[in-house]
Amino acid sequence: MASVWAGEVFLFGESAGGDPAATVTLDRVIDPELWDLWTPEERADPALYVHKLTVDRRYAGSGLGGRILDWAGDRAARQGARWLRLDAWTTNAGLHRYYLRQGFQHVRTTADPDEVSGWLAQRPARIARHGFVDRTGCAPARLTPRSPEGPQRPPDRTPQVAD
C-alpha cells in the first residue's frame, strides 16, 4: 500500500471513471531485494523503475502496454531521469522479448538461482507521444539531486505485523 499512498500506482482506462484497462507502478526506488543487482554506477544515474505493469486481457495485442511504457519514459524524462528501468522474471523469455521490442536494452541477468526477478533492462527516458491524458491532477515532480555519497539503500518495505 505504500506505493499507492506515495502516488506511484497508476490506472489507465478508455475514459475517466471507466473500467481500468491497465495499471503500472512507477517509482524511484529499486526493490530492496534487487538492490545489489544494479551496480553502484547504475544506481547513481537518475532513473525511474517500472513495476507490476498489468494489462487487462481484453486489451492484449492492442499496443496498450507499449503506450504505457512510452508514458512512463515520458514521465521519467520530465522528472529529469536518464533511464527507465525494469526487472523481469529470469525464466520468462517471452517477456524479455517483449521488453526488447519496446526498446529496452538487456543490462544483465543474475546467475543467482535464488533470484527469480533477475533479468534487468533499461532504455533512455525520453519525451514521447503516448496519447494519454493525465488526470492525476499533478505534474510529475522533478527528481531531487543525489547526495554526494550517491543513493542510499532503500528502506526495507517488509510489512510489519503488530502482535
Protein backbone atom coordinates (compact mmCIF):
# COMPACT_ATOMS: atom_id res chain seq x y z
CA MET A 1 0.00 0.00 0.00
CA ALA A 2 2.96 2.32 0.42
CA SER A 3 3.20 2.73 -3.37
CA VAL A 4 -0.48 3.65 -3.56
CA TRP A 5 -0.15 6.24 -0.79
CA ALA A 6 3.01 7.62 -2.41
CA GLY A 7 1.14 8.24 -5.68
CA GLU A 8 3.25 5.74 -7.62
CA VAL A 9 0.44 3.43 -8.82
CA PHE A 10 -1.37 4.49 -11.99
CA LEU A 11 -4.56 3.20 -13.61
CA PHE A 12 -5.26 3.52 -17.31
CA GLY A 13 -8.71 3.38 -18.86
CA GLU A 14 -10.58 4.29 -22.01
CA SER A 15 -12.38 7.14 -20.27
CA ALA A 16 -12.44 8.92 -16.93
CA GLY A 17 -14.44 6.82 -14.50
CA GLY A 18 -14.50 3.85 -16.86
CA ASP A 19 -13.26 0.38 -16.11
CA PRO A 20 -9.49 0.17 -15.70
CA ALA A 21 -7.68 -1.34 -18.68
CA ALA A 22 -4.20 -1.46 -17.14
CA THR A 23 -2.06 -0.50 -14.18
CA VAL A 24 1.60 0.19 -13.53
CA THR A 25 3.74 1.24 -10.61
CA LEU A 26 6.41 3.80 -11.44
CA ASP A 27 8.85 4.88 -8.75
CA ARG A 28 12.39 5.96 -7.96
CA VAL A 29 13.17 3.06 -5.67
CA ILE A 30 14.99 -0.13 -6.53
CA ASP A 31 13.27 -3.04 -4.81
CA PRO A 32 15.39 -3.83 -1.73
CA GLU A 33 15.76 -7.46 -2.88
CA LEU A 34 17.22 -6.25 -6.20
CA TRP A 35 19.48 -3.51 -4.83
CA ASP A 36 22.71 -5.46 -5.29
CA LEU A 37 21.83 -6.44 -8.88
CA TRP A 38 22.39 -2.86 -10.07
CA THR A 39 25.99 -1.59 -9.86
CA PRO A 40 26.85 1.48 -7.76
CA GLU A 41 27.41 3.41 -11.01
CA GLU A 42 23.98 2.40 -12.32
CA ARG A 43 22.32 3.26 -9.03
CA ALA A 44 23.94 6.73 -9.21
CA ASP A 45 22.24 7.51 -12.55
CA PRO A 46 18.81 9.14 -12.15
CA ALA A 47 16.18 6.56 -13.13
CA LEU A 48 12.56 5.60 -12.67
CA TYR A 49 11.63 1.94 -12.26
CA VAL A 50 8.64 0.18 -13.81
CA HIS A 51 6.95 -2.42 -11.62
CA LYS A 52 3.81 -4.54 -11.97
CA LEU A 53 2.76 -3.49 -15.48
CA THR A 54 -0.52 -5.35 -15.94
CA VAL A 55 -2.90 -5.09 -18.91
CA ASP A 56 -6.44 -6.49 -18.87
CA ARG A 57 -6.61 -9.46 -21.28
CA ARG A 58 -9.36 -7.67 -23.24
CA TYR A 59 -6.64 -5.22 -24.38
CA ALA A 60 -3.95 -7.79 -25.18
CA GLY A 61 -2.33 -7.09 -28.54
CA SER A 62 -3.71 -3.54 -28.72
CA GLY A 63 -0.38 -1.84 -28.04
CA LEU A 64 -1.59 -0.52 -24.68
CA GLY A 65 1.40 -1.92 -22.76
CA GLY A 66 3.83 -0.23 -25.15
CA ARG A 67 1.98 3.08 -24.84
CA ILE A 68 2.16 2.80 -21.05
CA LEU A 69 5.91 2.21 -21.27
CA ASP A 70 6.16 5.29 -23.52
CA TRP A 71 4.13 7.25 -20.95
CA ALA A 72 6.45 6.01 -18.18
CA GLY A 73 9.53 7.03 -20.19
CA ASP A 74 7.96 10.43 -20.85
CA ARG A 75 7.20 10.90 -17.16
CA ALA A 76 10.76 9.83 -16.27
CA ALA A 77 12.25 12.32 -18.75
CA ARG A 78 10.07 15.16 -17.44
CA GLN A 79 11.33 14.36 -13.93
CA GLY A 80 14.94 14.57 -15.05
CA ALA A 81 15.66 10.83 -15.10
CA ARG A 82 18.18 9.47 -17.56
CA TRP A 83 16.78 5.91 -17.59
CA LEU A 84 13.56 3.95 -17.45
CA ARG A 85 14.43 0.60 -15.86
CA LEU A 86 12.76 -2.66 -15.01
CA ASP A 87 13.35 -6.20 -13.93
CA ALA A 88 11.59 -9.33 -15.05
CA TRP A 89 11.44 -12.97 -14.09
CA THR A 90 14.69 -14.59 -15.17
CA THR A 91 12.91 -17.51 -16.86
CA ASN A 92 10.26 -15.50 -18.78
CA ALA A 93 11.91 -15.34 -22.23
CA GLY A 94 8.67 -14.17 -23.87
CA LEU A 95 8.51 -11.15 -21.57
CA HIS A 96 12.19 -10.42 -22.23
CA ARG A 97 11.48 -10.38 -25.99
CA TYR A 98 8.51 -8.07 -25.42
CA TYR A 99 10.61 -5.54 -23.50
CA LEU A 100 13.39 -5.71 -26.10
CA ARG A 101 10.79 -4.94 -28.80
CA GLN A 102 9.74 -1.94 -26.69
CA GLY A 103 13.25 -0.50 -26.96
CA PHE A 104 14.74 -1.78 -23.71
CA GLN A 105 18.33 -2.98 -23.67
CA HIS A 106 19.22 -6.04 -21.65
CA VAL A 107 21.69 -4.99 -18.96
CA ARG A 108 22.35 -8.37 -17.36
CA THR A 109 20.78 -11.47 -15.89
CA THR A 110 21.91 -12.58 -12.48
CA ALA A 111 23.44 -16.02 -12.16
CA ASP A 112 21.96 -16.38 -8.66
CA PRO A 113 19.46 -19.28 -8.89
CA ASP A 114 17.57 -17.91 -5.87
CA GLU A 115 16.80 -14.61 -7.64
CA VAL A 116 13.65 -15.10 -9.71
CA SER A 117 13.39 -11.49 -10.94
CA GLY A 118 16.98 -11.05 -12.03
CA TRP A 119 16.64 -10.04 -15.70
CA LEU A 120 17.50 -6.31 -15.79
CA ALA A 121 16.80 -3.92 -18.65
CA GLN A 122 16.73 -0.19 -19.31
CA ARG A 123 16.05 2.33 -22.04
CA PRO A 124 16.73 6.05 -22.18
CA ALA A 125 13.97 8.20 -20.67
CA ARG A 126 12.53 10.40 -23.42
CA ILE A 127 9.62 12.69 -24.16
CA ALA A 128 7.04 10.65 -26.10
CA ARG A 129 3.64 10.93 -27.72
CA HIS A 130 1.65 8.30 -25.89
CA GLY A 131 -1.87 9.66 -26.29
CA PHE A 132 -2.84 9.60 -22.61
CA VAL A 133 -4.46 12.49 -20.78
CA ASP A 134 -3.00 12.93 -17.30
CA ARG A 135 -5.91 13.08 -14.86
CA THR A 136 -3.77 12.76 -11.73
CA GLY A 137 -4.09 16.48 -11.08
CA CYS A 138 -0.37 16.96 -10.62
CA ALA A 139 2.63 17.39 -12.84
CA PRO A 140 5.42 14.88 -12.43
CA ALA A 141 7.82 16.06 -9.74
CA ARG A 142 11.45 16.60 -10.65
CA LEU A 143 13.93 14.13 -9.24
CA THR A 144 15.87 15.61 -6.38
CA PRO A 145 19.64 15.90 -6.75
CA ARG A 146 21.55 12.97 -5.35
CA SER A 147 23.69 13.35 -2.30
CA PRO A 148 27.48 13.44 -2.85
CA GLU A 149 27.63 9.97 -1.33
CA GLY A 150 25.27 8.63 -4.02
CA PRO A 151 21.95 6.93 -3.49
CA GLN A 152 21.21 5.23 -0.23
CA ARG A 153 19.93 1.69 0.11
CA PRO A 154 16.12 1.86 0.12
CA PRO A 155 14.28 1.07 3.34
CA ASP A 156 13.05 -2.45 3.86
CA ARG A 157 9.39 -2.46 2.80
CA THR A 158 8.59 -5.72 4.55
CA PRO A 159 5.13 -5.36 6.10
CA GLN A 160 5.22 -5.23 9.87
CA VAL A 161 2.57 -7.11 11.82
CA ALA A 162 1.65 -5.95 15.30
CA ASP A 163 1.41 -8.59 17.98
